[in-house]
């Protein structure tokens, strides 16, 4: 059965809302395998990526330098990992402060 454009929009909407693939399958009258295939193979989307926050340089810079928040605190605010925040900072070319090792 071919996917219609409105079904794909609903699939993405339900994924962003955090519904499981089983719940999405029931709502769209499809099989769970069909939902898995469409998300991961065809759309090349990992379900976790849909809910990751998008940052602009100014926003992330202000949180890290102006408000002096740690990566862990920023990650907790946006419900994502420290690694994701760190990679976003690298991508946006925001330098990180490194702690010096004591000898």
N, C-alpha and C. Protein backbone atom coordinates (compact mmCIF):
# COMPACT_ATOMS: atom_id res chain seq x y z
N UNK A 1 0.84 -1.17 0.00
CA UNK A 1 0.00 0.00 0.00
C UNK A 1 0.89 1.24 0.00
N UNK A 2 0.67 2.15 -0.91
CA UNK A 2 1.49 3.33 -1.06
C UNK A 2 1.12 4.39 0.00
N UNK A 3 2.14 5.13 0.46
CA UNK A 3 1.93 6.17 1.46
C UNK A 3 1.49 7.46 0.79
N UNK A 4 0.45 8.05 1.33
CA UNK A 4 0.00 9.35 0.85
C UNK A 4 0.72 10.45 1.63
N UNK A 5 0.73 11.63 1.05
CA UNK A 5 1.45 12.75 1.67
C UNK A 5 0.90 13.10 3.04
N UNK A 6 -0.43 13.09 3.19
CA UNK A 6 -1.02 13.43 4.49
C UNK A 6 -0.68 12.37 5.55
N UNK A 7 -0.53 11.10 5.13
CA UNK A 7 -0.14 10.04 6.07
C UNK A 7 1.29 10.27 6.58
N UNK A 8 2.16 10.71 5.69
CA UNK A 8 3.54 10.97 6.10
C UNK A 8 3.59 12.13 7.08
N UNK A 9 2.79 13.17 6.84
CA UNK A 9 2.73 14.31 7.76
C UNK A 9 2.21 13.87 9.12
N UNK A 10 1.18 13.03 9.12
CA UNK A 10 0.65 12.52 10.39
C UNK A 10 1.68 11.65 11.11
N UNK A 11 2.40 10.84 10.34
CA UNK A 11 3.44 9.99 10.91
C UNK A 11 4.48 10.84 11.64
N UNK A 12 4.94 11.90 11.00
CA UNK A 12 5.92 12.78 11.63
C UNK A 12 5.34 13.50 12.84
N UNK A 13 4.09 13.93 12.73
CA UNK A 13 3.43 14.62 13.83
C UNK A 13 3.31 13.71 15.05
N UNK A 14 2.84 12.49 14.84
CA UNK A 14 2.70 11.55 15.94
C UNK A 14 4.05 11.19 16.56
N UNK A 15 5.08 11.09 15.73
CA UNK A 15 6.41 10.79 16.25
C UNK A 15 6.91 11.91 17.14
N UNK A 16 6.70 13.16 16.72
CA UNK A 16 7.12 14.31 17.52
C UNK A 16 6.37 14.36 18.84
N UNK A 17 5.12 13.89 18.84
CA UNK A 17 4.33 13.88 20.08
C UNK A 17 4.80 12.78 21.03
N UNK A 18 5.63 11.87 20.54
CA UNK A 18 6.19 10.84 21.41
C UNK A 18 5.42 9.53 21.42
N UNK A 19 4.50 9.35 20.48
CA UNK A 19 3.77 8.09 20.42
C UNK A 19 4.69 6.96 19.98
N UNK A 20 4.44 5.77 20.48
CA UNK A 20 5.23 4.62 20.06
C UNK A 20 4.82 4.21 18.65
N UNK A 21 5.66 3.40 18.02
CA UNK A 21 5.36 2.95 16.66
C UNK A 21 4.08 2.11 16.62
N UNK A 22 3.80 1.37 17.69
CA UNK A 22 2.57 0.58 17.75
C UNK A 22 1.34 1.48 17.77
N UNK A 23 1.41 2.56 18.57
CA UNK A 23 0.29 3.49 18.66
C UNK A 23 0.08 4.22 17.33
N UNK A 24 1.17 4.59 16.69
CA UNK A 24 1.08 5.26 15.39
C UNK A 24 0.46 4.31 14.36
N UNK A 25 0.86 3.05 14.41
CA UNK A 25 0.33 2.06 13.47
C UNK A 25 -1.19 1.93 13.61
N UNK A 26 -1.69 1.92 14.85
CA UNK A 26 -3.13 1.83 15.07
C UNK A 26 -3.85 3.06 14.52
N UNK A 27 -3.28 4.24 14.77
CA UNK A 27 -3.93 5.48 14.31
C UNK A 27 -3.96 5.57 12.79
N UNK A 28 -2.90 5.10 12.13
CA UNK A 28 -2.83 5.20 10.67
C UNK A 28 -3.33 3.94 9.96
N UNK A 29 -3.78 2.96 10.74
CA UNK A 29 -4.27 1.70 10.18
C UNK A 29 -3.19 1.02 9.31
N UNK A 30 -2.00 0.94 9.87
CA UNK A 30 -0.85 0.30 9.22
C UNK A 30 -0.24 -0.69 10.20
N UNK A 31 0.71 -1.48 9.71
CA UNK A 31 1.41 -2.40 10.60
C UNK A 31 2.58 -1.67 11.25
N UNK A 32 3.03 -2.21 12.38
CA UNK A 32 4.19 -1.63 13.07
C UNK A 32 5.41 -1.69 12.17
N UNK A 33 5.58 -2.79 11.45
CA UNK A 33 6.73 -2.93 10.55
C UNK A 33 6.70 -1.87 9.45
N UNK A 34 5.52 -1.55 8.98
CA UNK A 34 5.38 -0.52 7.96
C UNK A 34 5.82 0.84 8.50
N UNK A 35 5.45 1.13 9.73
CA UNK A 35 5.84 2.39 10.38
C UNK A 35 7.35 2.43 10.56
N UNK A 36 7.91 1.33 11.08
CA UNK A 36 9.36 1.24 11.26
C UNK A 36 10.08 1.49 9.94
N UNK A 37 9.63 0.82 8.91
CA UNK A 37 10.28 0.91 7.61
C UNK A 37 10.23 2.35 7.08
N UNK A 38 9.07 2.98 7.19
CA UNK A 38 8.91 4.33 6.65
C UNK A 38 9.79 5.32 7.40
N UNK A 39 9.84 5.22 8.72
CA UNK A 39 10.64 6.15 9.51
C UNK A 39 12.13 5.96 9.28
N UNK A 40 12.59 4.72 9.39
CA UNK A 40 14.03 4.48 9.43
C UNK A 40 14.65 4.28 8.05
N UNK A 41 13.98 3.59 7.18
CA UNK A 41 14.56 3.27 5.87
C UNK A 41 14.26 4.35 4.84
N UNK A 42 13.00 4.67 4.68
CA UNK A 42 12.58 5.56 3.61
C UNK A 42 12.83 7.04 3.94
N UNK A 43 12.42 7.48 5.12
CA UNK A 43 12.59 8.89 5.48
C UNK A 43 13.97 9.16 6.09
N UNK A 44 14.70 8.08 6.40
CA UNK A 44 16.04 8.18 7.00
C UNK A 44 16.02 9.04 8.27
N UNK A 45 15.03 8.77 9.11
CA UNK A 45 14.87 9.50 10.37
C UNK A 45 14.94 8.49 11.52
N UNK A 46 15.77 8.82 12.50
CA UNK A 46 15.74 8.04 13.73
C UNK A 46 14.72 8.73 14.63
N UNK A 47 13.93 7.96 15.30
CA UNK A 47 12.84 8.54 16.10
C UNK A 47 13.38 9.51 17.14
N UNK A 48 14.53 9.21 17.71
CA UNK A 48 15.08 10.11 18.72
C UNK A 48 15.48 11.46 18.12
N UNK A 49 15.86 11.49 16.84
CA UNK A 49 16.26 12.74 16.20
C UNK A 49 15.10 13.71 16.03
N UNK A 50 13.91 13.22 15.93
CA UNK A 50 12.75 14.07 15.71
C UNK A 50 12.53 15.01 16.89
N UNK A 51 12.81 14.52 18.08
CA UNK A 51 12.52 15.31 19.27
C UNK A 51 13.72 16.11 19.78
N UNK A 52 14.85 16.06 19.09
CA UNK A 52 16.02 16.81 19.55
C UNK A 52 15.82 18.30 19.27
N UNK A 53 16.24 19.13 20.23
CA UNK A 53 16.05 20.57 20.05
C UNK A 53 16.98 21.13 18.97
N UNK A 54 16.55 22.20 18.35
CA UNK A 54 17.37 22.91 17.38
C UNK A 54 17.83 24.21 18.04
N UNK A 55 19.11 24.51 17.91
CA UNK A 55 19.67 25.70 18.54
C UNK A 55 20.19 26.66 17.48
N UNK A 56 20.16 27.95 17.82
CA UNK A 56 20.93 28.90 17.03
C UNK A 56 22.14 29.29 17.86
N UNK A 57 23.11 29.89 17.23
CA UNK A 57 24.39 30.17 17.89
C UNK A 57 24.19 31.09 19.10
N UNK A 58 23.41 32.14 18.95
CA UNK A 58 23.21 33.11 20.02
C UNK A 58 22.57 32.49 21.25
N UNK A 59 21.58 31.66 21.03
CA UNK A 59 20.86 31.02 22.14
C UNK A 59 21.81 30.13 22.96
N UNK A 60 22.55 29.28 22.28
CA UNK A 60 23.44 28.36 22.98
C UNK A 60 24.60 29.11 23.63
N UNK A 61 25.12 30.12 22.95
CA UNK A 61 26.21 30.94 23.49
C UNK A 61 25.77 31.62 24.79
N UNK A 62 24.57 32.19 24.79
CA UNK A 62 24.06 32.86 25.99
C UNK A 62 23.88 31.91 27.16
N UNK A 63 23.39 30.73 26.90
CA UNK A 63 23.21 29.75 27.98
C UNK A 63 24.56 29.34 28.57
N UNK A 64 25.54 29.16 27.71
CA UNK A 64 26.83 28.64 28.17
C UNK A 64 27.72 29.73 28.77
N UNK A 65 27.80 30.89 28.13
CA UNK A 65 28.70 31.93 28.59
C UNK A 65 28.05 32.99 29.47
N UNK A 66 26.88 33.45 29.12
CA UNK A 66 26.24 34.52 29.89
C UNK A 66 25.62 33.98 31.18
N UNK A 67 24.88 32.88 31.07
CA UNK A 67 24.24 32.30 32.26
C UNK A 67 25.16 31.32 32.98
N UNK A 68 26.31 31.01 32.37
CA UNK A 68 27.33 30.13 32.98
C UNK A 68 26.78 28.74 33.33
N UNK A 69 25.91 28.21 32.47
CA UNK A 69 25.38 26.87 32.70
C UNK A 69 26.36 25.82 32.17
N UNK A 70 26.41 24.70 32.85
CA UNK A 70 27.24 23.58 32.40
C UNK A 70 26.48 22.82 31.31
N UNK A 71 27.23 22.02 30.55
CA UNK A 71 26.60 21.24 29.48
C UNK A 71 25.51 20.33 30.05
N UNK A 72 25.78 19.78 31.20
CA UNK A 72 24.82 18.88 31.85
C UNK A 72 23.51 19.61 32.15
N UNK A 73 23.62 20.86 32.61
CA UNK A 73 22.43 21.64 32.96
C UNK A 73 21.64 22.04 31.70
N UNK A 74 22.36 22.40 30.65
CA UNK A 74 21.70 22.75 29.39
C UNK A 74 20.99 21.52 28.83
N UNK A 75 21.66 20.38 28.87
CA UNK A 75 21.08 19.14 28.37
C UNK A 75 19.81 18.79 29.13
N UNK A 76 19.83 18.99 30.44
CA UNK A 76 18.66 18.67 31.26
C UNK A 76 17.49 19.60 30.90
N UNK A 77 17.79 20.87 30.63
CA UNK A 77 16.75 21.84 30.27
C UNK A 77 16.01 21.43 28.99
N UNK A 78 16.77 20.86 28.04
CA UNK A 78 16.20 20.53 26.74
C UNK A 78 15.94 19.03 26.56
N UNK A 79 16.13 18.27 27.64
CA UNK A 79 15.86 16.83 27.62
C UNK A 79 16.63 16.11 26.50
N UNK A 80 17.94 16.33 26.49
CA UNK A 80 18.80 15.65 25.53
C UNK A 80 20.12 15.34 26.24
N UNK A 81 21.10 14.81 25.52
CA UNK A 81 22.35 14.41 26.14
C UNK A 81 23.40 15.53 26.10
N UNK A 82 24.40 15.41 26.98
CA UNK A 82 25.51 16.36 26.97
C UNK A 82 26.29 16.27 25.67
N UNK A 83 26.40 15.07 25.15
CA UNK A 83 27.11 14.86 23.89
C UNK A 83 26.44 15.63 22.77
N UNK A 84 25.12 15.60 22.74
CA UNK A 84 24.39 16.33 21.70
C UNK A 84 24.67 17.83 21.82
N UNK A 85 24.65 18.37 23.05
CA UNK A 85 24.92 19.79 23.26
C UNK A 85 26.35 20.11 22.83
N UNK A 86 27.28 19.27 23.20
CA UNK A 86 28.68 19.47 22.84
C UNK A 86 28.85 19.50 21.31
N UNK A 87 28.22 18.58 20.63
CA UNK A 87 28.32 18.53 19.17
C UNK A 87 27.66 19.74 18.51
N UNK A 88 26.56 20.20 19.10
CA UNK A 88 25.92 21.40 18.57
C UNK A 88 26.83 22.61 18.73
N UNK A 89 27.54 22.67 19.86
CA UNK A 89 28.47 23.78 20.08
C UNK A 89 29.60 23.74 19.06
N UNK A 90 30.12 22.55 18.78
CA UNK A 90 31.16 22.41 17.77
C UNK A 90 30.64 22.83 16.39
N UNK A 91 29.44 22.38 16.08
CA UNK A 91 28.84 22.68 14.79
C UNK A 91 28.62 24.18 14.61
N UNK A 92 28.23 24.86 15.69
CA UNK A 92 27.97 26.30 15.65
C UNK A 92 29.23 27.13 15.93
N UNK A 93 30.36 26.43 16.07
CA UNK A 93 31.66 27.07 16.32
C UNK A 93 31.67 27.92 17.59
N UNK A 94 31.14 27.35 18.66
CA UNK A 94 31.16 27.99 19.97
C UNK A 94 32.28 27.33 20.76
N UNK A 95 33.33 28.08 21.12
CA UNK A 95 34.43 27.46 21.86
C UNK A 95 33.99 27.08 23.27
N UNK A 96 34.51 25.96 23.74
CA UNK A 96 34.19 25.51 25.10
C UNK A 96 35.34 25.84 26.02
N UNK A 97 35.01 26.15 27.26
CA UNK A 97 36.03 26.38 28.27
C UNK A 97 36.50 25.02 28.76
N UNK A 98 37.79 24.85 28.80
CA UNK A 98 38.36 23.59 29.27
C UNK A 98 38.93 23.80 30.68
N UNK A 99 38.69 22.85 31.55
CA UNK A 99 39.26 22.93 32.89
C UNK A 99 40.72 22.49 32.80
N UNK A 100 41.55 23.20 33.52
CA UNK A 100 42.98 22.85 33.52
C UNK A 100 43.23 21.76 34.52
N UNK A 101 44.10 20.86 34.16
CA UNK A 101 44.46 19.75 35.06
C UNK A 101 45.52 20.24 36.03
N UNK A 102 45.32 19.95 37.28
CA UNK A 102 46.31 20.33 38.30
C UNK A 102 47.43 19.29 38.36
N UNK A 103 48.64 19.76 38.61
CA UNK A 103 49.78 18.81 38.72
C UNK A 103 50.31 18.76 40.11
